[in-house]
C-alpha atoms as a PDB file:
ATOM      1  CA  UNK A   1      30.188  16.765 -29.047  1.00  0.00           C
ATOM      2  CA  UNK A   2      30.957  13.775 -26.839  1.00  0.00           C
ATOM      3  CA  UNK A   3      33.057  11.108 -28.575  1.00  0.00           C
ATOM      4  CA  UNK A   4      33.743   7.422 -27.985  1.00  0.00           C
ATOM      5  CA  UNK A   5      37.402   8.320 -27.480  1.00  0.00           C
ATOM      6  CA  UNK A   6      36.488  10.661 -24.610  1.00  0.00           C
ATOM      7  CA  UNK A   7      34.363   7.932 -23.064  1.00  0.00           C
ATOM      8  CA  UNK A   8      37.205   5.409 -23.303  1.00  0.00           C
ATOM      9  CA  UNK A   9      39.603   7.932 -21.778  1.00  0.00           C
ATOM     10  CA  UNK A  10      37.146   8.632 -18.957  1.00  0.00           C
ATOM     11  CA  UNK A  11      36.849   4.896 -18.198  1.00  0.00           C
ATOM     12  CA  UNK A  12      40.648   4.547 -18.169  1.00  0.00           C
ATOM     13  CA  UNK A  13      41.006   7.300 -15.560  1.00  0.00           C
ATOM     14  CA  UNK A  14      38.099   5.904 -13.523  1.00  0.00           C
ATOM     15  CA  UNK A  15      39.634   2.408 -13.466  1.00  0.00           C
ATOM     16  CA  UNK A  16      43.240   3.438 -12.754  1.00  0.00           C
ATOM     17  CA  UNK A  17      42.564   6.351 -10.417  1.00  0.00           C
ATOM     18  CA  UNK A  18      45.194   8.619 -11.948  1.00  0.00           C
ATOM     19  CA  UNK A  19      45.955  10.572 -15.095  1.00  0.00           C
ATOM     20  CA  UNK A  20      49.486   9.176 -15.410  1.00  0.00           C
ATOM     21  CA  UNK A  21      48.431   5.513 -15.189  1.00  0.00           C
ATOM     22  CA  UNK A  22      45.486   6.070 -17.544  1.00  0.00           C
ATOM     23  CA  UNK A  23      47.722   7.863 -20.062  1.00  0.00           C
ATOM     24  CA  UNK A  24      50.026   4.840 -20.129  1.00  0.00           C
ATOM     25  CA  UNK A  25      47.057   2.496 -20.534  1.00  0.00           C
ATOM     26  CA  UNK A  26      45.601   4.334 -23.546  1.00  0.00           C
ATOM     27  CA  UNK A  27      48.992   5.404 -25.013  1.00  0.00           C
ATOM     28  CA  UNK A  28      48.502   9.176 -25.031  1.00  0.00           C
ATOM     29  CA  UNK A  29      50.168  12.052 -23.212  1.00  0.00           C
ATOM     30  CA  UNK A  30      48.972  13.142 -19.791  1.00  0.00           C
ATOM     31  CA  UNK A  31      48.194  16.647 -21.063  1.00  0.00           C
ATOM     32  CA  UNK A  32      46.032  15.268 -23.885  1.00  0.00           C
ATOM     33  CA  UNK A  33      44.166  13.011 -21.456  1.00  0.00           C
ATOM     34  CA  UNK A  34      43.654  15.845 -18.958  1.00  0.00           C
ATOM     35  CA  UNK A  35      42.233  18.029 -21.713  1.00  0.00           C
ATOM     36  CA  UNK A  36      39.913  15.239 -22.876  1.00  0.00           C
ATOM     37  CA  UNK A  37      38.484  14.809 -19.364  1.00  0.00           C
ATOM     38  CA  UNK A  38      38.026  18.556 -18.955  1.00  0.00           C
ATOM     39  CA  UNK A  39      36.249  18.795 -22.319  1.00  0.00           C
ATOM     40  CA  UNK A  40      33.986  15.895 -21.377  1.00  0.00           C
ATOM     41  CA  UNK A  41      33.046  17.530 -18.061  1.00  0.00           C
ATOM     42  CA  UNK A  42      32.326  20.794 -19.868  1.00  0.00           C
ATOM     43  CA  UNK A  43      30.243  18.988 -22.492  1.00  0.00           C
ATOM     44  CA  UNK A  44      27.945  17.327 -19.935  1.00  0.00           C
ATOM     45  CA  UNK A  45      28.212  20.146 -17.329  1.00  0.00           C
ATOM     46  CA  UNK A  46      29.123  17.716 -14.545  1.00  0.00           C
ATOM     47  CA  UNK A  47      32.205  17.269 -12.352  1.00  0.00           C
ATOM     48  CA  UNK A  48      33.143  13.614 -12.825  1.00  0.00           C
ATOM     49  CA  UNK A  49      36.254  13.437 -10.635  1.00  0.00           C
ATOM     50  CA  UNK A  50      37.530  14.672  -7.316  1.00  0.00           C
ATOM     51  CA  UNK A  51      41.134  15.778  -7.801  1.00  0.00           C
ATOM     52  CA  UNK A  52      43.497  15.132  -4.888  1.00  0.00           C
ATOM     53  CA  UNK A  53      47.199  14.599  -4.205  1.00  0.00           C
ATOM     54  CA  UNK A  54      47.038  10.824  -4.635  1.00  0.00           C
ATOM     55  CA  UNK A  55      45.132  10.874  -7.905  1.00  0.00           C
ATOM     56  CA  UNK A  56      41.535  11.004  -9.110  1.00  0.00           C
ATOM     57  CA  UNK A  57      38.395   9.551  -7.544  1.00  0.00           C
ATOM     58  CA  UNK A  58      34.913   9.485  -9.002  1.00  0.00           C
ATOM     59  CA  UNK A  59      32.222  11.813  -7.711  1.00  0.00           C
ATOM     60  CA  UNK A  60      28.720  10.435  -7.173  1.00  0.00           C
ATOM     61  CA  UNK A  61      27.762  11.686 -10.631  1.00  0.00           C
ATOM     62  CA  UNK A  62      30.994  10.212 -11.948  1.00  0.00           C
ATOM     63  CA  UNK A  63      29.939   6.769 -10.717  1.00  0.00           C
ATOM     64  CA  UNK A  64      26.591   7.210 -12.474  1.00  0.00           C
ATOM     65  CA  UNK A  65      28.294   8.264 -15.690  1.00  0.00           C
ATOM     66  CA  UNK A  66      30.717   5.320 -15.503  1.00  0.00           C
ATOM     67  CA  UNK A  67      27.774   2.934 -15.606  1.00  0.00           C
ATOM     68  CA  UNK A  68      26.357   4.701 -18.679  1.00  0.00           C
ATOM     69  CA  UNK A  69      29.787   4.853 -20.312  1.00  0.00           C
ATOM     70  CA  UNK A  70      30.140   1.079 -20.069  1.00  0.00           C
ATOM     71  CA  UNK A  71      26.644   0.654 -21.521  1.00  0.00           C
ATOM     72  CA  UNK A  72      27.536   2.909 -24.459  1.00  0.00           C
ATOM     73  CA  UNK A  73      30.689   0.935 -25.259  1.00  0.00           C
ATOM     74  CA  UNK A  74      28.835  -2.347 -24.753  1.00  0.00           C
ATOM     75  CA  UNK A  75      26.216  -1.266 -27.297  1.00  0.00           C
ATOM     76  CA  UNK A  76      28.916  -0.343 -29.801  1.00  0.00           C
ATOM     77  CA  UNK A  77      30.727  -3.654 -29.255  1.00  0.00           C
ATOM     78  CA  UNK A  78      27.478  -5.589 -29.638  1.00  0.00           C
ATOM     79  CA  UNK A  79      26.832  -3.848 -32.955  1.00  0.00           C
ATOM     80  CA  UNK A  80      30.347  -4.640 -34.193  1.00  0.00           C
ATOM     81  CA  UNK A  81      30.144  -8.249 -33.060  1.00  0.00           C
ATOM     82  CA  UNK A  82      26.787  -8.785 -34.751  1.00  0.00           C
ATOM     83  CA  UNK A  83      28.431  -7.810 -38.030  1.00  0.00           C
ATOM     84  CA  UNK A  84      31.658  -9.754 -37.504  1.00  0.00           C
ATOM     85  CA  UNK A  85      30.847 -13.024 -35.800  1.00  0.00           C
ATOM     86  CA  UNK A  86      27.911 -15.087 -34.653  1.00  0.00           C
ATOM     87  CA  UNK A  87      27.979 -15.699 -30.903  1.00  0.00           C
ATOM     88  CA  UNK A  88      27.305 -19.373 -31.641  1.00  0.00           C
ATOM     89  CA  UNK A  89      30.885 -19.583 -32.923  1.00  0.00           C
ATOM     90  CA  UNK A  90      32.291 -18.569 -29.515  1.00  0.00           C
ATOM     91  CA  UNK A  91      33.395 -21.644 -27.555  1.00  0.00           C
ATOM     92  CA  UNK A  92      35.184 -22.437 -24.315  1.00  0.00           C
ATOM     93  CA  UNK A  93      34.582 -22.457 -20.564  1.00  0.00           C
ATOM     94  CA  UNK A  94      33.853 -19.504 -18.280  1.00  0.00           C
ATOM     95  CA  UNK A  95      34.417 -20.088 -14.549  1.00  0.00           C
ATOM     96  CA  UNK A  96      32.309 -17.849 -12.331  1.00  0.00           C
ATOM     97  CA  UNK A  97      32.750 -17.386  -8.585  1.00  0.00           C
ATOM     98  CA  UNK A  98      29.732 -16.375  -6.543  1.00  0.00           C
ATOM     99  CA  UNK A  99      28.776 -15.905  -2.901  1.00  0.00           C
ATOM    100  CA  UNK A 100      25.660 -17.483  -1.412  1.00  0.00           C
ATOM    101  CA  UNK A 101      23.369 -14.458  -1.039  1.00  0.00           C
ATOM    102  CA  UNK A 102      24.163 -13.132  -4.509  1.00  0.00           C
ATOM    103  CA  UNK A 103      23.657 -16.583  -6.028  1.00  0.00           C
ATOM    104  CA  UNK A 104      20.069 -16.625  -4.841  1.00  0.00           C
ATOM    105  CA  UNK A 105      19.097 -13.275  -6.344  1.00  0.00           C
ATOM    106  CA  UNK A 106      21.275 -12.525  -9.398  1.00  0.00           C
ATOM    107  CA  UNK A 107      23.118 -15.553 -10.712  1.00  0.00           C
ATOM    108  CA  UNK A 108      20.267 -17.357 -12.479  1.00  0.00           C
ATOM    109  CA  UNK A 109      19.384 -14.311 -14.587  1.00  0.00           C
ATOM    110  CA  UNK A 110      22.992 -13.631 -15.604  1.00  0.00           C
ATOM    111  CA  UNK A 111      23.808 -17.233 -16.533  1.00  0.00           C
ATOM    112  CA  UNK A 112      20.522 -17.768 -18.371  1.00  0.00           C
ATOM    113  CA  UNK A 113      21.092 -14.708 -20.545  1.00  0.00           C
ATOM    114  CA  UNK A 114      24.758 -15.597 -21.121  1.00  0.00           C
ATOM    115  CA  UNK A 115      24.008 -19.190 -22.131  1.00  0.00           C
ATOM    116  CA  UNK A 116      21.252 -18.001 -24.449  1.00  0.00           C
ATOM    117  CA  UNK A 117      23.665 -15.573 -26.132  1.00  0.00           C
ATOM    118  CA  UNK A 118      26.633 -17.995 -26.148  1.00  0.00           C
ATOM    119  CA  UNK A 119      25.162 -21.507 -26.398  1.00  0.00           C
ATOM    120  CA  UNK A 120      28.541 -23.183 -27.028  1.00  0.00           C
ATOM    121  CA  UNK A 121      30.239 -21.750 -23.937  1.00  0.00           C
ATOM    122  CA  UNK A 122      30.214 -23.972 -20.851  1.00  0.00           C
ATOM    123  CA  UNK A 123      29.694 -22.036 -17.617  1.00  0.00           C
ATOM    124  CA  UNK A 124      31.181 -23.467 -14.432  1.00  0.00           C
ATOM    125  CA  UNK A 125      30.083 -21.944 -11.118  1.00  0.00           C
ATOM    126  CA  UNK A 126      31.946 -22.067  -7.812  1.00  0.00           C
ATOM    127  CA  UNK A 127      29.983 -20.889  -4.761  1.00  0.00           C
ATOM    128  CA  UNK A 128      31.900 -20.133  -1.585  1.00  0.00           C
ATOM    129  CA  UNK A 129      32.604 -17.470   1.019  1.00  0.00           C
ATOM    130  CA  UNK A 130      33.825 -14.094  -0.205  1.00  0.00           C
ATOM    131  CA  UNK A 131      37.455 -14.416   1.043  1.00  0.00           C
ATOM    132  CA  UNK A 132      37.912 -17.686  -0.854  1.00  0.00           C
ATOM    133  CA  UNK A 133      36.309 -16.294  -4.027  1.00  0.00           C
ATOM    134  CA  UNK A 134      38.689 -13.308  -3.777  1.00  0.00           C
ATOM    135  CA  UNK A 135      41.635 -15.706  -3.391  1.00  0.00           C
ATOM    136  CA  UNK A 136      40.601 -17.675  -6.484  1.00  0.00           C
ATOM    137  CA  UNK A 137      40.168 -14.483  -8.520  1.00  0.00           C
ATOM    138  CA  UNK A 138      43.598 -13.126  -7.570  1.00  0.00           C
ATOM    139  CA  UNK A 139      45.188 -16.532  -8.237  1.00  0.00           C
ATOM    140  CA  UNK A 140      43.561 -16.687 -11.683  1.00  0.00           C
ATOM    141  CA  UNK A 141      41.679 -19.901 -10.863  1.00  0.00           C
ATOM    142  CA  UNK A 142      38.309 -18.358 -11.698  1.00  0.00           C
ATOM    143  CA  UNK A 143      37.578 -15.832 -14.426  1.00  0.00           C
ATOM    144  CA  UNK A 144      35.017 -13.475 -12.888  1.00  0.00           C
ATOM    145  CA  UNK A 145      33.171 -13.098  -9.599  1.00  0.00           C
ATOM    146  CA  UNK A 146      29.592 -12.031  -8.943  1.00  0.00           C
ATOM    147  CA  UNK A 147      29.452 -10.861  -5.348  1.00  0.00           C
ATOM    148  CA  UNK A 148      28.799  -8.130  -2.812  1.00  0.00           C
ATOM    149  CA  UNK A 149      31.472  -5.557  -3.614  1.00  0.00           C
ATOM    150  CA  UNK A 150      30.921  -3.632  -0.372  1.00  0.00           C
ATOM    151  CA  UNK A 151      32.820  -6.354   1.518  1.00  0.00           C
ATOM    152  CA  UNK A 152      35.864  -6.723  -0.768  1.00  0.00           C
ATOM    153  CA  UNK A 153      39.288  -6.569   0.900  1.00  0.00           C
ATOM    154  CA  UNK A 154      41.914  -6.962  -1.852  1.00  0.00           C
ATOM    155  CA  UNK A 155      40.768  -4.039  -4.003  1.00  0.00           C
ATOM    156  CA  UNK A 156      44.260  -3.321  -5.366  1.00  0.00           C
ATOM    157  CA  UNK A 157      44.390  -6.750  -7.021  1.00  0.00           C
ATOM    158  CA  UNK A 158      40.859  -6.707  -8.416  1.00  0.00           C
ATOM    159  CA  UNK A 159      38.987  -4.628 -10.950  1.00  0.00           C
ATOM    160  CA  UNK A 160      35.315  -4.187 -10.061  1.00  0.00           C
ATOM    161  CA  UNK A 161      32.132  -2.895 -11.577  1.00  0.00           C
ATOM    162  CA  UNK A 162      28.896  -2.236  -9.715  1.00  0.00           C
ATOM    163  CA  UNK A 163      25.820  -3.721 -11.369  1.00  0.00           C
ATOM    164  CA  UNK A 164      23.292  -2.511  -8.827  1.00  0.00           C
ATOM    165  CA  UNK A 165      22.955  -0.574  -5.583  1.00  0.00           C
ATOM    166  CA  UNK A 166      20.573  -2.199  -3.125  1.00  0.00           C
ATOM    167  CA  UNK A 167      19.307   0.266  -0.472  1.00  0.00           C
ATOM    168  CA  UNK A 168      18.657  -0.961   3.048  1.00  0.00           C
ATOM    169  CA  UNK A 169      15.185  -1.046   4.600  1.00  0.00           C
ATOM    170  CA  UNK A 170      13.829  -1.923   8.010  1.00  0.00           C
ATOM    171  CA  UNK A 171      11.591  -5.013   7.986  1.00  0.00           C
ATOM    172  CA  UNK A 172       8.692  -4.939  10.455  1.00  0.00           C
ATOM    173  CA  UNK A 173       5.604  -7.027  11.238  1.00  0.00           C
ATOM    174  CA  UNK A 174       2.168  -5.499  10.531  1.00  0.00           C
ATOM    175  CA  UNK A 175       0.821  -3.039  13.124  1.00  0.00           C
ATOM    176  CA  UNK A 176       4.236  -2.423  14.676  1.00  0.00           C
ATOM    177  CA  UNK A 177       4.248   0.999  16.466  1.00  0.00           C
ATOM    178  CA  UNK A 178       7.174   2.281  14.341  1.00  0.00           C
ATOM    179  CA  UNK A 179       4.951   2.065  11.253  1.00  0.00           C
ATOM    180  CA  UNK A 180       2.996   5.064  12.538  1.00  0.00           C
ATOM    181  CA  UNK A 181       6.055   7.308  12.406  1.00  0.00           C
ATOM    182  CA  UNK A 182       6.758   9.601   9.489  1.00  0.00           C
ATOM    183  CA  UNK A 183      10.484   8.943   9.867  1.00  0.00           C
ATOM    184  CA  UNK A 184      12.444   6.091  11.468  1.00  0.00           C
ATOM    185  CA  UNK A 185      16.116   6.310  12.505  1.00  0.00           C
ATOM    186  CA  UNK A 186      18.695   3.765  13.624  1.00  0.00           C
ATOM    187  CA  UNK A 187      18.353   5.097  17.172  1.00  0.00           C
ATOM    188  CA  UNK A 188      14.644   4.213  17.060  1.00  0.00           C
ATOM    189  CA  UNK A 189      15.527   0.665  16.091  1.00  0.00           C
ATOM    190  CA  UNK A 190      18.500   0.004  18.408  1.00  0.00           C
ATOM    191  CA  UNK A 191      16.332  -0.829  21.435  1.00  0.00           C
ATOM    192  CA  UNK A 192      14.096  -3.211  19.488  1.00  0.00           C
ATOM    193  CA  UNK A 193      14.795  -6.979  19.314  1.00  0.00           C
ATOM    194  CA  UNK A 194      16.649  -7.511  16.032  1.00  0.00           C
ATOM    195  CA  UNK A 195      17.030 -10.506  13.738  1.00  0.00           C
ATOM    196  CA  UNK A 196      20.489 -10.481  12.144  1.00  0.00           C
ATOM    197  CA  UNK A 197      21.251 -12.210   8.845  1.00  0.00           C
ATOM    198  CA  UNK A 198      24.753 -13.710   8.854  1.00  0.00           C
ATOM    199  CA  UNK A 199      24.809 -15.105   5.287  1.00  0.00           C
ATOM    200  CA  UNK A 200      27.441 -13.681   2.930  1.00  0.00           C
ATOM    201  CA  UNK A 201      29.065 -11.580   5.687  1.00  0.00           C
ATOM    202  CA  UNK A 202      25.863  -9.604   6.198  1.00  0.00           C
ATOM    203  CA  UNK A 203      26.432  -9.818   9.946  1.00  0.00           C
ATOM    204  CA  UNK A 204      29.776  -8.034   9.560  1.00  0.00           C
ATOM    205  CA  UNK A 205      28.235  -5.500   7.199  1.00  0.00           C
ATOM    206  CA  UNK A 206      25.441  -4.741   9.673  1.00  0.00           C
ATOM    207  CA  UNK A 207      27.935  -4.392  12.534  1.00  0.00           C
ATOM    208  CA  UNK A 208      29.754  -1.699  10.540  1.00  0.00           C
ATOM    209  CA  UNK A 209      26.462   0.183  10.093  1.00  0.00           C
ATOM    210  CA  UNK A 210      25.834   0.206  13.858  1.00  0.00           C
ATOM    211  CA  UNK A 211      29.461   1.062  14.644  1.00  0.00           C
ATOM    212  CA  UNK A 212      29.394   4.122  12.378  1.00  0.00           C
ATOM    213  CA  UNK A 213      26.145   5.221  14.048  1.00  0.00           C
ATOM    214  CA  UNK A 214      27.796   4.805  17.508  1.00  0.00           C
ATOM    215  CA  UNK A 215      24.891   2.594  18.596  1.00  0.00           C
ATOM    216  CA  UNK A 216      24.693  -0.872  20.138  1.00  0.00           C
ATOM    217  CA  UNK A 217      21.831  -2.952  18.699  1.00  0.00           C
ATOM    218  CA  UNK A 218      19.795  -5.438  20.688  1.00  0.00           C
ATOM    219  CA  UNK A 219      20.330  -8.575  18.572  1.00  0.00           C
ATOM    220  CA  UNK A 220      18.012 -11.339  19.751  1.00  0.00           C
ATOM    221  CA  UNK A 221      18.736 -13.940  17.060  1.00  0.00           C
ATOM    222  CA  UNK A 222      21.250 -14.616  14.300  1.00  0.00           C
ATOM    223  CA  UNK A 223      20.573 -16.825  11.303  1.00  0.00           C
ATOM    224  CA  UNK A 224      22.112 -17.659   7.923  1.00  0.00           C
ATOM    225  CA  UNK A 225      18.661 -18.070   6.336  1.00  0.00           C
ATOM    226  CA  UNK A 226      16.832 -15.190   4.645  1.00  0.00           C
ATOM    227  CA  UNK A 227      13.621 -17.216   4.839  1.00  0.00           C
ATOM    228  CA  UNK A 228      14.085 -17.566   8.606  1.00  0.00           C
ATOM    229  CA  UNK A 229      14.486 -13.785   8.883  1.00  0.00           C
ATOM    230  CA  UNK A 230      11.245 -13.313   6.941  1.00  0.00           C
ATOM    231  CA  UNK A 231       9.321 -15.765   9.114  1.00  0.00           C
ATOM    232  CA  UNK A 232      10.652 -14.376  12.396  1.00  0.00           C
ATOM    233  CA  UNK A 233       9.917 -10.769  11.459  1.00  0.00           C
ATOM    234  CA  UNK A 234       6.430 -11.604  10.150  1.00  0.00           C
ATOM    235  CA  UNK A 235       5.701 -13.484  13.392  1.00  0.00           C
ATOM    236  CA  UNK A 236       6.556 -10.378  15.420  1.00  0.00           C
ATOM    237  CA  UNK A 237       9.695 -11.835  17.023  1.00  0.00           C
ATOM    238  CA  UNK A 238      11.968  -9.019  15.937  1.00  0.00           C
ATOM    239  CA  UNK A 239      12.858  -6.422  13.309  1.00  0.00           C
ATOM    240  CA  UNK A 240      15.618  -6.667  10.707  1.00  0.00           C
ATOM    241  CA  UNK A 241      17.641  -4.327   8.496  1.00  0.00           C
ATOM    242  CA  UNK A 242      18.085  -5.910   5.068  1.00  0.00           C
ATOM    243  CA  UNK A 243      19.046  -4.878   1.513  1.00  0.00           C
ATOM    244  CA  UNK A 244      16.116  -4.451  -0.867  1.00  0.00           C
ATOM    245  CA  UNK A 245      17.359  -7.243  -3.124  1.00  0.00           C
ATOM    246  CA  UNK A 246      16.182  -9.771  -0.504  1.00  0.00           C
ATOM    247  CA  UNK A 247      12.783  -8.182   0.171  1.00  0.00           C
ATOM    248  CA  UNK A 248       9.495  -9.954  -0.474  1.00  0.00           C
ATOM    249  CA  UNK A 249       6.312  -8.724   1.243  1.00  0.00           C
ATOM    250  CA  UNK A 250       5.378 -12.103   2.732  1.00  0.00           C
ATOM    251  CA  UNK A 251       6.931 -15.041   4.557  1.00  0.00           C
ATOM    252  CA  UNK A 252       6.757 -18.710   3.588  1.00  0.00           C
ATOM    253  CA  UNK A 253       3.766 -18.965   5.912  1.00  0.00           C
ATOM    254  CA  UNK A 254       2.001 -16.207   3.961  1.00  0.00           C
ATOM    255  CA  UNK A 255       2.349 -13.554   6.687  1.00  0.00           C
ATOM    256  CA  UNK A 256       2.883  -9.923   5.672  1.00  0.00           C
ATOM    257  CA  UNK A 257       6.237  -8.169   6.086  1.00  0.00           C
ATOM    258  CA  UNK A 258       6.344  -4.369   6.015  1.00  0.00           C
ATOM    259  CA  UNK A 259       9.474  -2.435   4.968  1.00  0.00           C
ATOM    260  CA  UNK A 260      10.384   1.175   5.652  1.00  0.00           C
ATOM    261  CA  UNK A 261      13.454   3.330   4.886  1.00  0.00           C
ATOM    262  CA  UNK A 262      15.742   4.507   7.679  1.00  0.00           C
ATOM    263  CA  UNK A 263      16.293   8.255   7.581  1.00  0.00           C
ATOM    264  CA  UNK A 264      19.967   8.058   8.595  1.00  0.00           C
ATOM    265  CA  UNK A 265      20.988   4.960   6.606  1.00  0.00           C
ATOM    266  CA  UNK A 266      21.783   6.028   3.065  1.00  0.00           C
ATOM    267  CA  UNK A 267      24.630   3.632   2.237  1.00  0.00           C
ATOM    268  CA  UNK A 268      23.412   0.961  -0.222  1.00  0.00           C
ATOM    269  CA  UNK A 269      24.829  -2.520  -0.651  1.00  0.00           C
ATOM    270  CA  UNK A 270      26.879  -2.753  -3.863  1.00  0.00           C
ATOM    271  CA  UNK A 271      26.483  -5.906  -5.941  1.00  0.00           C
ATOM    272  CA  UNK A 272      28.566  -6.432  -9.034  1.00  0.00           C
ATOM    273  CA  UNK A 273      31.444  -8.062 -10.869  1.00  0.00           C
ATOM    274  CA  UNK A 274      35.108  -8.529  -9.983  1.00  0.00           C
ATOM    275  CA  UNK A 275      38.008  -9.822 -12.044  1.00  0.00           C
ATOM    276  CA  UNK A 276      41.798  -9.872 -11.725  1.00  0.00           C
ATOM    277  CA  UNK A 277      43.539  -6.559 -12.301  1.00  0.00           C
ATOM    278  CA  UNK A 278      46.756  -6.041 -14.208  1.00  0.00           C
ATOM    279  CA  UNK A 279      46.775  -9.026 -16.584  1.00  0.00           C
ATOM    280  CA  UNK A 280      45.052  -9.846 -19.839  1.00  0.00           C
ATOM    281  CA  UNK A 281      41.503 -10.963 -19.100  1.00  0.00           C
ATOM    282  CA  UNK A 282      40.420 -14.451 -20.176  1.00  0.00           C
ATOM    283  CA  UNK A 283      38.778 -14.136 -23.584  1.00  0.00           C
ATOM    284  CA  UNK A 284      35.299 -15.061 -22.336  1.00  0.00           C
ATOM    285  CA  UNK A 285      35.224 -12.447 -19.561  1.00  0.00           C
ATOM    286  CA  UNK A 286      34.650  -9.575 -21.992  1.00  0.00           C
ATOM    287  CA  UNK A 287      31.418 -10.978 -23.500  1.00  0.00           C
ATOM    288  CA  UNK A 288      30.181 -11.789 -19.986  1.00  0.00           C
ATOM    289  CA  UNK A 289      30.880  -8.223 -18.838  1.00  0.00           C
ATOM    290  CA  UNK A 290      29.217  -6.820 -21.945  1.00  0.00           C
ATOM    291  CA  UNK A 291      26.104  -8.906 -21.403  1.00  0.00           C
ATOM    292  CA  UNK A 292      25.910  -8.048 -17.692  1.00  0.00           C
ATOM    293  CA  UNK A 293      26.158  -4.334 -18.499  1.00  0.00           C
ATOM    294  CA  UNK A 294      23.590  -4.501 -21.293  1.00  0.00           C
ATOM    295  CA  UNK A 295      20.726  -5.369 -18.953  1.00  0.00           C
ATOM    296  CA  UNK A 296      21.079  -4.013 -15.400  1.00  0.00           C
ATOM    297  CA  UNK A 297      20.125  -6.470 -12.691  1.00  0.00           C
ATOM    298  CA  UNK A 298      18.269  -3.912 -10.547  1.00  0.00           C
ATOM    299  CA  UNK A 299      15.174  -5.440  -8.982  1.00  0.00           C
ATOM    300  CA  UNK A 300      12.161  -3.258  -8.360  1.00  0.00           C
ATOM    301  CA  UNK A 301      10.871  -3.658  -4.846  1.00  0.00           C
ATOM    302  CA  UNK A 302       7.304  -2.926  -3.852  1.00  0.00           C
ATOM    303  CA  UNK A 303       7.105  -1.270  -0.465  1.00  0.00           C
END
């Protein structure tokens, strides 16, 4: 039967990327840890890790199980805390770094729930570009970041956890000819006039998508405003590839926006948490992580 110890050992390997580092972190022998991971994989009949010369990396199913493992431990910790201490007794300040696009779609929910659970904790928010938020995290000047993890650069200095995967869709105006197709590919879209969102490094992210597809898009307009993208697409001035977290089926003017999947674009945008690796976390980061894990921030999108 699966145990909490196995789950903790699994998380240690997932976060460190190696048996030796995880064994040091949880103070057990490498052989004992290896056996625990093997028993866990046998118990759930799933391969959780890819084994390679440089260490261990999570499989797709391993990433899914990591999310559930954190939820299991969060539930246990919540139960213990409810018996030991009222959250109203927790005091202090939590400094949160956030990027602009994420702030508009996830921050309000997270802070509202955190302040409701910890009314005597003051939350301070710093919004800036991703490189500066990364710098502040590594320097220890902010406690935790809520941002697009797909764009992170200094991954060796930061510990991360994905809260949600936001698939990409193609936004189109009503009655566009591509809507009649059963399947749409990036090649179908490349010759169309495109509206590119540049907020929160989305322009760079989109460029990587086109580069990997070996295609050159026909970008007709760039803007930092999601609302401008909506209005321009709805008015028939171009198409746009956007993550589902930003989708709404109408513009500010009330015009309809259609959205369709792209058959050859399966890489979602990862949104989640980041905090400094290798040092003791500020005391208020743990309750924030626990709360964020307890209620996933996935948004259902009607298409």
